[in-house]
PDB file of N, CA and C in Angstrom:
ATOM      1  N   MET A   1      -2.069 -60.562 -92.220  1.00  0.00           N
ATOM      2  CA  MET A   1      -2.876 -59.507 -92.814  1.00  0.00           C
ATOM      3  C   MET A   1      -4.353 -59.890 -92.722  1.00  0.00           C
ATOM      4  N   ARG A   2      -5.165 -58.965 -92.278  1.00  0.00           N
ATOM      5  CA  ARG A   2      -6.599 -59.221 -92.161  1.00  0.00           C
ATOM      6  C   ARG A   2      -7.264 -59.117 -93.525  1.00  0.00           C
ATOM      7  N   CYS A   3      -8.309 -59.919 -93.702  1.00  0.00           N
ATOM      8  CA  CYS A   3      -9.074 -59.784 -94.942  1.00  0.00           C
ATOM      9  C   CYS A   3      -9.941 -58.524 -94.856  1.00  0.00           C
ATOM     10  N   LYS A   4     -10.445 -58.096 -95.983  1.00  0.00           N
ATOM     11  CA  LYS A   4     -11.198 -56.842 -96.072  1.00  0.00           C
ATOM     12  C   LYS A   4     -12.417 -56.837 -95.149  1.00  0.00           C
ATOM     13  N   GLU A   5     -13.128 -57.968 -95.068  1.00  0.00           N
ATOM     14  CA  GLU A   5     -14.323 -58.044 -94.228  1.00  0.00           C
ATOM     15  C   GLU A   5     -13.969 -57.959 -92.745  1.00  0.00           C
ATOM     16  N   ASP A   6     -12.891 -58.639 -92.344  1.00  0.00           N
ATOM     17  CA  ASP A   6     -12.460 -58.582 -90.943  1.00  0.00           C
ATOM     18  C   ASP A   6     -12.042 -57.168 -90.558  1.00  0.00           C
ATOM     19  N   ARG A   7     -11.342 -56.499 -91.460  1.00  0.00           N
ATOM     20  CA  ARG A   7     -10.896 -55.131 -91.202  1.00  0.00           C
ATOM     21  C   ARG A   7     -12.095 -54.195 -91.073  1.00  0.00           C
ATOM     22  N   ALA A   8     -13.079 -54.373 -91.932  1.00  0.00           N
ATOM     23  CA  ALA A   8     -14.280 -53.538 -91.875  1.00  0.00           C
ATOM     24  C   ALA A   8     -15.018 -53.755 -90.555  1.00  0.00           C
ATOM     25  N   GLU A   9     -15.110 -54.984 -90.104  1.00  0.00           N
ATOM     26  CA  GLU A   9     -15.771 -55.288 -88.831  1.00  0.00           C
ATOM     27  C   GLU A   9     -14.993 -54.682 -87.663  1.00  0.00           C
ATOM     28  N   LEU A  10     -13.670 -54.783 -87.703  1.00  0.00           N
ATOM     29  CA  LEU A  10     -12.825 -54.199 -86.664  1.00  0.00           C
ATOM     30  C   LEU A  10     -13.044 -52.687 -86.588  1.00  0.00           C
ATOM     31  N   LEU A  11     -13.056 -52.018 -87.725  1.00  0.00           N
ATOM     32  CA  LEU A  11     -13.253 -50.567 -87.749  1.00  0.00           C
ATOM     33  C   LEU A  11     -14.648 -50.181 -87.269  1.00  0.00           C
ATOM     34  N   LYS A  12     -15.648 -50.965 -87.621  1.00  0.00           N
ATOM     35  CA  LYS A  12     -17.012 -50.709 -87.144  1.00  0.00           C
ATOM     36  C   LYS A  12     -17.060 -50.800 -85.622  1.00  0.00           C
ATOM     37  N   ASP A  13     -16.482 -51.855 -85.066  1.00  0.00           N
ATOM     38  CA  ASP A  13     -16.452 -52.017 -83.609  1.00  0.00           C
ATOM     39  C   ASP A  13     -15.668 -50.895 -82.943  1.00  0.00           C
ATOM     40  N   LEU A  14     -14.541 -50.535 -83.540  1.00  0.00           N
ATOM     41  CA  LEU A  14     -13.718 -49.471 -82.981  1.00  0.00           C
ATOM     42  C   LEU A  14     -14.475 -48.147 -82.948  1.00  0.00           C
ATOM     43  N   ARG A  15     -15.195 -47.831 -84.018  1.00  0.00           N
ATOM     44  CA  ARG A  15     -16.004 -46.604 -84.030  1.00  0.00           C
ATOM     45  C   ARG A  15     -17.027 -46.607 -82.905  1.00  0.00           C
ATOM     46  N   GLU A  16     -17.669 -47.740 -82.683  1.00  0.00           N
ATOM     47  CA  GLU A  16     -18.657 -47.846 -81.603  1.00  0.00           C
ATOM     48  C   GLU A  16     -17.996 -47.638 -80.238  1.00  0.00           C
ATOM     49  N   HIS A  17     -16.841 -48.254 -80.029  1.00  0.00           N
ATOM     50  CA  HIS A  17     -16.152 -48.130 -78.739  1.00  0.00           C
ATOM     51  C   HIS A  17     -15.645 -46.710 -78.516  1.00  0.00           C
ATOM     52  N   LEU A  18     -15.116 -46.085 -79.559  1.00  0.00           N
ATOM     53  CA  LEU A  18     -14.659 -44.704 -79.416  1.00  0.00           C
ATOM     54  C   LEU A  18     -15.837 -43.754 -79.191  1.00  0.00           C
ATOM     55  N   GLY A  19     -16.967 -44.047 -79.824  1.00  0.00           N
ATOM     56  CA  GLY A  19     -18.168 -43.246 -79.590  1.00  0.00           C
ATOM     57  C   GLY A  19     -18.632 -43.342 -78.148  1.00  0.00           C
ATOM     58  N   ALA A  20     -18.582 -44.548 -77.592  1.00  0.00           N
ATOM     59  CA  ALA A  20     -18.961 -44.732 -76.183  1.00  0.00           C
ATOM     60  C   ALA A  20     -17.996 -43.983 -75.267  1.00  0.00           C
ATOM     61  N   LEU A  21     -16.717 -43.982 -75.624  1.00  0.00           N
ATOM     62  CA  LEU A  21     -15.717 -43.244 -74.848  1.00  0.00           C
ATOM     63  C   LEU A  21     -16.025 -41.749 -74.895  1.00  0.00           C
ATOM     64  N   LEU A  22     -16.272 -41.244 -76.067  1.00  0.00           N
ATOM     65  CA  LEU A  22     -16.584 -39.829 -76.263  1.00  0.00           C
ATOM     66  C   LEU A  22     -17.831 -39.402 -75.490  1.00  0.00           C
ATOM     67  N   ARG A  23     -18.857 -40.257 -75.487  1.00  0.00           N
ATOM     68  CA  ARG A  23     -20.141 -39.915 -74.866  1.00  0.00           C
ATOM     69  C   ARG A  23     -20.251 -40.307 -73.396  1.00  0.00           C
ATOM     70  N   SER A  24     -19.187 -40.790 -72.791  1.00  0.00           N
ATOM     71  CA  SER A  24     -19.226 -41.146 -71.362  1.00  0.00           C
ATOM     72  C   SER A  24     -19.679 -39.936 -70.561  1.00  0.00           C
ATOM     73  N   GLU A  25     -20.645 -40.146 -69.685  1.00  0.00           N
ATOM     74  CA  GLU A  25     -21.232 -39.044 -68.925  1.00  0.00           C
ATOM     75  C   GLU A  25     -20.413 -38.632 -67.705  1.00  0.00           C
ATOM     76  N   THR A  26     -19.618 -39.537 -67.165  1.00  0.00           N
ATOM     77  CA  THR A  26     -18.832 -39.240 -65.962  1.00  0.00           C
ATOM     78  C   THR A  26     -17.369 -39.631 -66.195  1.00  0.00           C
ATOM     79  N   PRO A  27     -16.459 -39.045 -65.436  1.00  0.00           N
ATOM     80  CA  PRO A  27     -15.055 -39.454 -65.542  1.00  0.00           C
ATOM     81  C   PRO A  27     -14.853 -40.949 -65.232  1.00  0.00           C
ATOM     82  N   GLU A  28     -15.628 -41.486 -64.310  1.00  0.00           N
ATOM     83  CA  GLU A  28     -15.509 -42.908 -63.963  1.00  0.00           C
ATOM     84  C   GLU A  28     -15.927 -43.786 -65.150  1.00  0.00           C
ATOM     85  N   GLU A  29     -17.022 -43.414 -65.808  1.00  0.00           N
ATOM     86  CA  GLU A  29     -17.467 -44.166 -66.988  1.00  0.00           C
ATOM     87  C   GLU A  29     -16.416 -44.058 -68.100  1.00  0.00           C
ATOM     88  N   PHE A  30     -15.855 -42.873 -68.277  1.00  0.00           N
ATOM     89  CA  PHE A  30     -14.798 -42.683 -69.266  1.00  0.00           C
ATOM     90  C   PHE A  30     -13.631 -43.623 -68.981  1.00  0.00           C
ATOM     91  N   ASP A  31     -13.197 -43.666 -67.724  1.00  0.00           N
ATOM     92  CA  ASP A  31     -12.080 -44.538 -67.346  1.00  0.00           C
ATOM     93  C   ASP A  31     -12.396 -45.998 -67.621  1.00  0.00           C
ATOM     94  N   ARG A  32     -13.627 -46.421 -67.335  1.00  0.00           N
ATOM     95  CA  ARG A  32     -14.031 -47.807 -67.618  1.00  0.00           C
ATOM     96  C   ARG A  32     -13.984 -48.085 -69.119  1.00  0.00           C
ATOM     97  N   GLN A  33     -14.499 -47.145 -69.906  1.00  0.00           N
ATOM     98  CA  GLN A  33     -14.484 -47.322 -71.361  1.00  0.00           C
ATOM     99  C   GLN A  33     -13.058 -47.381 -71.899  1.00  0.00           C
ATOM    100  N   TRP A  34     -12.190 -46.517 -71.395  1.00  0.00           N
ATOM    101  CA  TRP A  34     -10.803 -46.498 -71.852  1.00  0.00           C
ATOM    102  C   TRP A  34     -10.097 -47.798 -71.464  1.00  0.00           C
ATOM    103  N   GLU A  35     -10.333 -48.299 -70.265  1.00  0.00           N
ATOM    104  CA  GLU A  35      -9.752 -49.582 -69.854  1.00  0.00           C
ATOM    105  C   GLU A  35     -10.241 -50.712 -70.750  1.00  0.00           C
ATOM    106  N   PHE A  36     -11.535 -50.684 -71.100  1.00  0.00           N
ATOM    107  CA  PHE A  36     -12.085 -51.697 -72.000  1.00  0.00           C
ATOM    108  C   PHE A  36     -11.378 -51.646 -73.355  1.00  0.00           C
ATOM    109  N   ILE A  37     -11.224 -50.438 -73.900  1.00  0.00           N
ATOM    110  CA  ILE A  37     -10.562 -50.286 -75.199  1.00  0.00           C
ATOM    111  C   ILE A  37      -9.127 -50.795 -75.129  1.00  0.00           C
ATOM    112  N   GLN A  38      -8.422 -50.476 -74.047  1.00  0.00           N
ATOM    113  CA  GLN A  38      -7.039 -50.938 -73.913  1.00  0.00           C
ATOM    114  C   GLN A  38      -6.966 -52.457 -73.851  1.00  0.00           C
ATOM    115  N   THR A  39      -7.946 -53.080 -73.228  1.00  0.00           N
ATOM    116  CA  THR A  39      -7.975 -54.545 -73.150  1.00  0.00           C
ATOM    117  C   THR A  39      -8.384 -55.147 -74.486  1.00  0.00           C
ATOM    118  N   GLU A  40      -9.436 -54.597 -75.065  1.00  0.00           N
ATOM    119  CA  GLU A  40      -9.982 -55.123 -76.330  1.00  0.00           C
ATOM    120  C   GLU A  40      -8.981 -54.999 -77.485  1.00  0.00           C
ATOM    121  N   TYR A  41      -8.204 -53.941 -77.494  1.00  0.00           N
ATOM    122  CA  TYR A  41      -7.261 -53.685 -78.589  1.00  0.00           C
ATOM    123  C   TYR A  41      -5.809 -53.759 -78.096  1.00  0.00           C
ATOM    124  N   ALA A  42      -5.547 -54.631 -77.158  1.00  0.00           N
ATOM    125  CA  ALA A  42      -4.207 -54.759 -76.569  1.00  0.00           C
ATOM    126  C   ALA A  42      -3.144 -55.089 -77.609  1.00  0.00           C
ATOM    127  N   ASP A  43      -3.526 -55.729 -78.688  1.00  0.00           N
ATOM    128  CA  ASP A  43      -2.558 -56.075 -79.733  1.00  0.00           C
ATOM    129  C   ASP A  43      -2.201 -54.873 -80.613  1.00  0.00           C
ATOM    130  N   GLN A  44      -2.892 -53.755 -80.443  1.00  0.00           N
ATOM    131  CA  GLN A  44      -2.654 -52.539 -81.236  1.00  0.00           C
ATOM    132  C   GLN A  44      -1.833 -51.538 -80.428  1.00  0.00           C
ATOM    133  N   LYS A  45      -0.650 -51.945 -80.026  1.00  0.00           N
ATOM    134  CA  LYS A  45       0.179 -51.163 -79.107  1.00  0.00           C
ATOM    135  C   LYS A  45       0.539 -49.777 -79.639  1.00  0.00           C
ATOM    136  N   VAL A  46       0.848 -49.653 -80.907  1.00  0.00           N
ATOM    137  CA  VAL A  46       1.229 -48.359 -81.479  1.00  0.00           C
ATOM    138  C   VAL A  46       0.030 -47.417 -81.448  1.00  0.00           C
ATOM    139  N   TRP A  47      -1.130 -47.917 -81.828  1.00  0.00           N
ATOM    140  CA  TRP A  47      -2.338 -47.087 -81.833  1.00  0.00           C
ATOM    141  C   TRP A  47      -2.711 -46.662 -80.410  1.00  0.00           C
ATOM    142  N   LEU A  48      -2.622 -47.580 -79.453  1.00  0.00           N
ATOM    143  CA  LEU A  48      -2.935 -47.240 -78.060  1.00  0.00           C
ATOM    144  C   LEU A  48      -1.962 -46.194 -77.521  1.00  0.00           C
ATOM    145  N   LYS A  49      -0.690 -46.311 -77.880  1.00  0.00           N
ATOM    146  CA  LYS A  49       0.293 -45.316 -77.448  1.00  0.00           C
ATOM    147  C   LYS A  49      -0.039 -43.953 -78.055  1.00  0.00           C
ATOM    148  N   TYR A  50      -0.422 -43.935 -79.327  1.00  0.00           N
ATOM    149  CA  TYR A  50      -0.835 -42.696 -79.990  1.00  0.00           C
ATOM    150  C   TYR A  50      -2.052 -42.090 -79.278  1.00  0.00           C
ATOM    151  N   MET A  51      -3.065 -42.908 -79.030  1.00  0.00           N
ATOM    152  CA  MET A  51      -4.282 -42.419 -78.365  1.00  0.00           C
ATOM    153  C   MET A  51      -3.936 -41.828 -77.005  1.00  0.00           C
ATOM    154  N   ASP A  52      -3.130 -42.541 -76.245  1.00  0.00           N
ATOM    155  CA  ASP A  52      -2.768 -42.073 -74.911  1.00  0.00           C
ATOM    156  C   ASP A  52      -1.968 -40.778 -74.964  1.00  0.00           C
ATOM    157  N   GLY A  53      -1.038 -40.695 -75.882  1.00  0.00           N
ATOM    158  CA  GLY A  53      -0.178 -39.529 -75.963  1.00  0.00           C
ATOM    159  C   GLY A  53      -0.825 -38.303 -76.590  1.00  0.00           C
ATOM    160  N   GLU A  54      -1.739 -38.511 -77.525  1.00  0.00           N
ATOM    161  CA  GLU A  54      -2.323 -37.382 -78.253  1.00  0.00           C
ATOM    162  C   GLU A  54      -3.738 -37.020 -77.815  1.00  0.00           C
ATOM    163  N   TRP A  55      -4.537 -37.976 -77.411  1.00  0.00           N
ATOM    164  CA  TRP A  55      -5.956 -37.708 -77.148  1.00  0.00           C
ATOM    165  C   TRP A  55      -6.365 -37.879 -75.687  1.00  0.00           C
ATOM    166  N   ILE A  56      -5.954 -38.947 -75.074  1.00  0.00           N
ATOM    167  CA  ILE A  56      -6.385 -39.203 -73.695  1.00  0.00           C
ATOM    168  C   ILE A  56      -5.811 -38.149 -72.757  1.00  0.00           C
ATOM    169  N   ARG A  57      -4.617 -37.695 -73.022  1.00  0.00           N
ATOM    170  CA  ARG A  57      -4.008 -36.681 -72.150  1.00  0.00           C
ATOM    171  C   ARG A  57      -4.746 -35.348 -72.200  1.00  0.00           C
ATOM    172  N   VAL A  58      -5.530 -35.102 -73.234  1.00  0.00           N
ATOM    173  CA  VAL A  58      -6.309 -33.854 -73.341  1.00  0.00           C
ATOM    174  C   VAL A  58      -7.813 -34.151 -73.376  1.00  0.00           C
ATOM    175  N   LYS A  59      -8.206 -35.204 -72.720  1.00  0.00           N
ATOM    176  CA  LYS A  59      -9.610 -35.642 -72.747  1.00  0.00           C
ATOM    177  C   LYS A  59     -10.586 -34.574 -72.263  1.00  0.00           C
ATOM    178  N   GLU A  60     -10.119 -33.689 -71.405  1.00  0.00           N
ATOM    179  CA  GLU A  60     -10.989 -32.621 -70.893  1.00  0.00           C
ATOM    180  C   GLU A  60     -11.466 -31.692 -72.004  1.00  0.00           C
ATOM    181  N   ARG A  61     -10.760 -31.682 -73.107  1.00  0.00           N
ATOM    182  CA  ARG A  61     -11.118 -30.810 -74.230  1.00  0.00           C
ATOM    183  C   ARG A  61     -12.205 -31.394 -75.120  1.00  0.00           C
ATOM    184  N   TRP A  62     -12.362 -32.725 -75.118  1.00  0.00           N
ATOM    185  CA  TRP A  62     -13.263 -33.319 -76.087  1.00  0.00           C
ATOM    186  C   TRP A  62     -14.257 -34.338 -75.525  1.00  0.00           C
ATOM    187  N   ALA A  63     -14.015 -34.884 -74.365  1.00  0.00           N
ATOM    188  CA  ALA A  63     -14.908 -35.926 -73.831  1.00  0.00           C
ATOM    189  C   ALA A  63     -16.078 -35.306 -73.071  1.00  0.00           C
ATOM    190  N   ARG A  64     -17.247 -35.846 -73.283  1.00  0.00           N
ATOM    191  CA  ARG A  64     -18.472 -35.325 -72.667  1.00  0.00           C
ATOM    192  C   ARG A  64     -18.398 -35.280 -71.147  1.00  0.00           C
ATOM    193  N   ALA A  65     -17.689 -36.215 -70.536  1.00  0.00           N
ATOM    194  CA  ALA A  65     -17.608 -36.258 -69.066  1.00  0.00           C
ATOM    195  C   ALA A  65     -17.064 -34.960 -68.485  1.00  0.00           C
ATOM    196  N   TRP A  66     -16.244 -34.258 -69.243  1.00  0.00           N
ATOM    197  CA  TRP A  66     -15.663 -32.994 -68.769  1.00  0.00           C
ATOM    198  C   TRP A  66     -16.249 -31.783 -69.483  1.00  0.00           C
ATOM    199  N   ARG A  67     -16.980 -31.998 -70.538  1.00  0.00           N
ATOM    200  CA  ARG A  67     -17.547 -30.897 -71.317  1.00  0.00           C
ATOM    201  C   ARG A  67     -19.006 -30.721 -70.903  1.00  0.00           C
ATOM    202  N   LYS A  68     -19.228 -29.998 -69.843  1.00  0.00           N
ATOM    203  CA  LYS A  68     -20.585 -29.831 -69.331  1.00  0.00           C
ATOM    204  C   LYS A  68     -21.414 -28.890 -70.199  1.00  0.00           C
ATOM    205  N   VAL A  69     -20.753 -27.994 -70.901  1.00  0.00           N
ATOM    206  CA  VAL A  69     -21.459 -27.085 -71.799  1.00  0.00           C
ATOM    207  C   VAL A  69     -21.528 -27.751 -73.160  1.00  0.00           C
ATOM    208  N   ARG A  70     -22.721 -27.845 -73.690  1.00  0.00           N
ATOM    209  CA  ARG A  70     -22.904 -28.443 -75.009  1.00  0.00           C
ATOM    210  C   ARG A  70     -22.772 -27.360 -76.075  1.00  0.00           C
ATOM    211  N   PHE A  71     -22.076 -27.692 -77.114  1.00  0.00           N
ATOM    212  CA  PHE A  71     -21.917 -26.769 -78.222  1.00  0.00           C
ATOM    213  C   PHE A  71     -22.774 -27.262 -79.382  1.00  0.00           C
ATOM    214  N   TYR A  72     -23.508 -26.366 -79.949  1.00  0.00           N
ATOM    215  CA  TYR A  72     -24.335 -26.682 -81.099  1.00  0.00           C
ATOM    216  C   TYR A  72     -23.866 -25.827 -82.266  1.00  0.00           C
ATOM    217  N   PHE A  73     -23.622 -26.461 -83.356  1.00  0.00           N
ATOM    218  CA  PHE A  73     -23.146 -25.750 -84.520  1.00  0.00           C
ATOM    219  C   PHE A  73     -24.315 -25.454 -85.448  1.00  0.00           C
ATOM    220  N   ILE A  74     -24.330 -24.270 -85.966  1.00  0.00           N
ATOM    221  CA  ILE A  74     -25.354 -23.876 -86.921  1.00  0.00           C
ATOM    222  C   ILE A  74     -24.675 -23.697 -88.274  1.00  0.00           C
ATOM    223  N   LEU A  75     -25.162 -24.420 -89.227  1.00  0.00           N
ATOM    224  CA  LEU A  75     -24.610 -24.309 -90.559  1.00  0.00           C
ATOM    225  C   LEU A  75     -25.360 -23.216 -91.307  1.00  0.00           C
ATOM    226  N   LEU A  76     -24.637 -22.262 -91.779  1.00  0.00           N
ATOM    227  CA  LEU A  76     -25.253 -21.167 -92.512  1.00  0.00           C
ATOM    228  C   LEU A  76     -24.899 -21.287 -93.982  1.00  0.00           C
ATOM    229  N   GLY A  77     -25.904 -21.197 -94.791  1.00  0.00           N
ATOM    230  CA  GLY A  77     -25.682 -21.244 -96.220  1.00  0.00           C
ATOM    231  C   GLY A  77     -25.923 -19.879 -96.821  1.00  0.00           C
ATOM    232  N   SER A  78     -25.788 -19.806 -98.089  1.00  0.00           N
ATOM    233  CA  SER A  78     -26.078 -18.545 -98.801  1.00  0.00           C
ATOM    234  C   SER A  78     -27.565 -18.512 -99.124  1.00  0.00           C
ATOM    235  N   PHE A  79     -28.266 -17.737 -98.365  1.00  0.00           N
ATOM    236  CA  PHE A  79     -29.721 -17.670 -98.578  1.00  0.00           C
ATOM    237  C   PHE A  79     -30.094 -16.379 -99.228  1.00  0.00           C
TER     238      PHE A  79
END
């Protein structure tokens, strides 16, 4: 079992790596980032299987490398 500080550091690093994956500008960069994540987190087999089965297979829907149109959200309040 990891201590609380180690777990927090792991999650911080994971967020950074997933952010880099999300923001990859080209499919080749995306593939490099995904390979890095698979190597870096090789001991997390269940999580990697989940990512591959649920998210990587539909990467065209959410990864910048395939999303050439940028969407901007406008928050509307009660004015």
